[in-house]
Amino acid sequence: MHVRTEVLHEHHGRKPALKYVAMIYGNQELWDTVPAEEWPAALARQEAFNRKYRESGELLGAYGLADASAARLVRREGGLPAVTDGPYLETKEYLASFYLLDCAGPQRAQEIAADLPFADVRPVELWPVLHADGDAGGDGDADGGGA
């Protein structure tokens, strides 16, 4: 079900969520095109980005993911975990890294996403977060109806 954040939070009498997830997609083939001598500078730019926005309080976390070959799919079958190789992808690219932002609004989230070091060569997908555990703005269910 599609629920607009503003409607969800007005229904609960709370302010709209101001957290966002910024995501970058890629694959090992893409990363292999970056010359080895450029990686130290690229990593330094990433660390500078992380430091800048952590210090401002707008970056709650930055996470790089392992290659897709390390991913697993987990389902519950008969009350137990059933694990298979994963992920279930129909594309060559996969989620490579994600950043949890807490900022003043969508325009600021877009500014931060555009400041990501790889944003000049890879698009950044930006999603509003409807609920985060521990927020005063949510009760754990996206439709407000409870479990």
Protein backbone atom coordinates (compact mmCIF):
# COMPACT_ATOMS: atom_id res chain seq x y z
CA MET A 1 0.00 0.00 0.00
CA HIS A 2 1.32 3.46 -0.90
CA VAL A 3 1.06 5.86 2.01
CA ARG A 4 2.33 9.42 1.85
CA THR A 5 4.52 10.28 4.82
CA GLU A 6 2.68 13.54 5.51
CA VAL A 7 -0.72 11.80 5.59
CA LEU A 8 0.60 9.02 7.83
CA HIS A 9 2.00 11.44 10.38
CA GLU A 10 -0.93 13.86 10.26
CA HIS A 11 -3.16 10.89 11.03
CA HIS A 12 -1.05 10.18 14.12
CA GLY A 13 -0.82 13.88 15.00
CA ARG A 14 2.95 13.97 14.46
CA LYS A 15 5.38 15.85 12.25
CA PRO A 16 6.53 14.26 8.95
CA ALA A 17 9.57 11.98 9.11
CA LEU A 18 12.80 13.70 8.15
CA LYS A 19 14.97 10.65 7.67
CA TYR A 20 16.10 9.49 4.25
CA VAL A 21 18.04 6.58 2.81
CA ALA A 22 20.47 7.43 0.01
CA MET A 23 21.51 4.39 -2.03
CA ILE A 24 24.20 3.77 -4.63
CA TYR A 25 24.07 0.78 -6.97
CA GLY A 26 26.98 -0.89 -8.70
CA ASN A 27 28.80 -4.17 -9.23
CA GLN A 28 32.31 -5.58 -9.08
CA GLU A 29 32.81 -5.04 -12.80
CA LEU A 30 32.11 -1.33 -12.34
CA TRP A 31 34.44 -1.02 -9.34
CA ASP A 32 37.17 -2.84 -11.30
CA THR A 33 37.12 -0.02 -13.89
CA VAL A 34 38.48 2.39 -11.27
CA PRO A 35 42.29 2.33 -11.55
CA ALA A 36 43.98 1.04 -8.39
CA GLU A 37 45.94 4.26 -7.94
CA GLU A 38 42.64 6.24 -7.75
CA TRP A 39 41.14 4.24 -4.88
CA PRO A 40 43.05 5.93 -2.02
CA ALA A 41 41.82 9.37 -3.11
CA ALA A 42 38.27 8.06 -3.63
CA LEU A 43 38.23 6.51 -0.17
CA ALA A 44 39.63 9.72 1.35
CA ARG A 45 36.80 11.72 -0.30
CA GLN A 46 34.29 9.23 1.12
CA GLU A 47 35.76 9.50 4.62
CA ALA A 48 35.69 13.31 4.38
CA PHE A 49 32.01 13.17 3.34
CA ASN A 50 31.21 10.81 6.23
CA ARG A 51 33.07 13.00 8.74
CA LYS A 52 31.44 16.24 7.51
CA TYR A 53 27.87 14.96 7.76
CA ARG A 54 28.40 12.95 10.96
CA GLU A 55 29.70 16.13 12.60
CA SER A 56 26.65 18.06 11.38
CA GLY A 57 24.41 15.30 12.78
CA GLU A 58 22.85 14.66 9.38
CA LEU A 59 24.56 11.31 8.68
CA LEU A 60 23.37 8.59 11.05
CA GLY A 61 25.21 5.79 9.28
CA ALA A 62 27.12 4.92 6.09
CA TYR A 63 27.34 1.30 5.03
CA GLY A 64 29.14 -0.41 2.16
CA LEU A 65 27.84 -3.85 1.25
CA ALA A 66 29.77 -6.96 0.22
CA ASP A 67 29.67 -8.28 -3.33
CA ALA A 68 26.33 -9.84 -4.33
CA SER A 69 27.93 -13.30 -4.34
CA ALA A 70 28.06 -13.09 -0.52
CA ALA A 71 24.33 -12.31 -0.13
CA ARG A 72 21.85 -14.91 1.09
CA LEU A 73 18.07 -15.19 0.89
CA VAL A 74 16.39 -16.19 4.13
CA ARG A 75 12.82 -17.43 4.37
CA ARG A 76 10.92 -19.10 7.16
CA GLU A 77 9.77 -22.64 6.46
CA GLY A 78 8.15 -24.65 9.21
CA GLY A 79 9.22 -22.03 11.73
CA LEU A 80 12.92 -22.39 10.83
CA PRO A 81 15.25 -20.33 8.65
CA ALA A 82 15.61 -21.65 5.10
CA VAL A 83 18.75 -20.11 3.56
CA THR A 84 19.69 -20.10 -0.12
CA ASP A 85 22.23 -18.26 -2.19
CA GLY A 86 21.05 -14.83 -3.15
CA PRO A 87 20.21 -12.17 -3.85
CA TYR A 88 17.25 -12.50 -6.16
CA LEU A 89 18.35 -10.09 -8.86
CA GLU A 90 17.20 -9.52 -12.40
CA THR A 91 19.86 -6.89 -12.98
CA LYS A 92 23.64 -6.67 -13.21
CA GLU A 93 23.78 -3.95 -10.58
CA TYR A 94 22.93 -4.32 -6.92
CA LEU A 95 22.78 -2.15 -3.83
CA ALA A 96 26.42 -1.34 -3.11
CA SER A 97 26.12 1.17 -0.27
CA PHE A 98 23.53 3.09 1.66
CA TYR A 99 23.46 6.11 3.95
CA LEU A 100 20.92 6.96 6.62
CA LEU A 101 20.31 10.71 6.72
CA ASP A 102 18.46 12.84 9.28
CA CYS A 103 17.97 16.33 7.92
CA ALA A 104 15.68 19.33 7.69
CA GLY A 105 13.70 18.16 4.68
CA PRO A 106 13.74 16.80 1.15
CA GLN A 107 15.74 19.68 -0.36
CA ARG A 108 18.50 19.23 2.22
CA ALA A 109 18.49 15.45 1.69
CA GLN A 110 18.92 16.06 -2.06
CA GLU A 111 21.83 18.44 -1.41
CA ILE A 112 23.57 15.86 0.77
CA ALA A 113 22.92 13.05 -1.75
CA ALA A 114 24.39 15.21 -4.54
CA ASP A 115 27.48 15.79 -2.35
CA LEU A 116 28.24 12.04 -2.17
CA PRO A 117 31.67 11.47 -3.73
CA PHE A 118 30.37 9.04 -6.37
CA ALA A 119 27.30 11.15 -7.29
CA ASP A 120 29.16 12.69 -10.22
CA VAL A 121 29.49 9.25 -11.88
CA ARG A 122 26.67 7.16 -10.33
CA PRO A 123 23.10 8.25 -9.62
CA VAL A 124 22.02 8.28 -5.98
CA GLU A 125 18.56 6.94 -5.16
CA LEU A 126 16.92 8.87 -2.31
CA TRP A 127 13.98 7.45 -0.34
CA PRO A 128 12.07 9.01 2.59
CA VAL A 129 11.93 6.72 5.63
CA LEU A 130 8.39 6.27 6.94
CA HIS A 131 9.42 4.90 10.32
CA ALA A 132 12.60 4.26 12.25
CA ASP A 133 12.69 2.34 15.52
CA GLY A 134 12.87 4.73 18.44
CA ASP A 135 11.37 7.68 16.55
CA ALA A 136 8.60 9.61 18.23
CA GLY A 137 6.98 9.78 14.79
CA GLY A 138 5.98 6.15 14.31
CA ASP A 139 4.60 3.11 16.03
CA GLY A 140 6.12 0.39 13.87
CA ASP A 141 3.45 -0.03 11.20
CA ALA A 142 3.28 1.89 7.95
CA ASP A 143 -0.50 1.99 7.59
CA GLY A 144 -1.34 3.01 11.15
CA GLY A 145 -3.56 -0.02 11.60
CA GLY A 146 -1.44 -2.06 13.99
CA ALA A 147 -0.40 -5.68 13.75
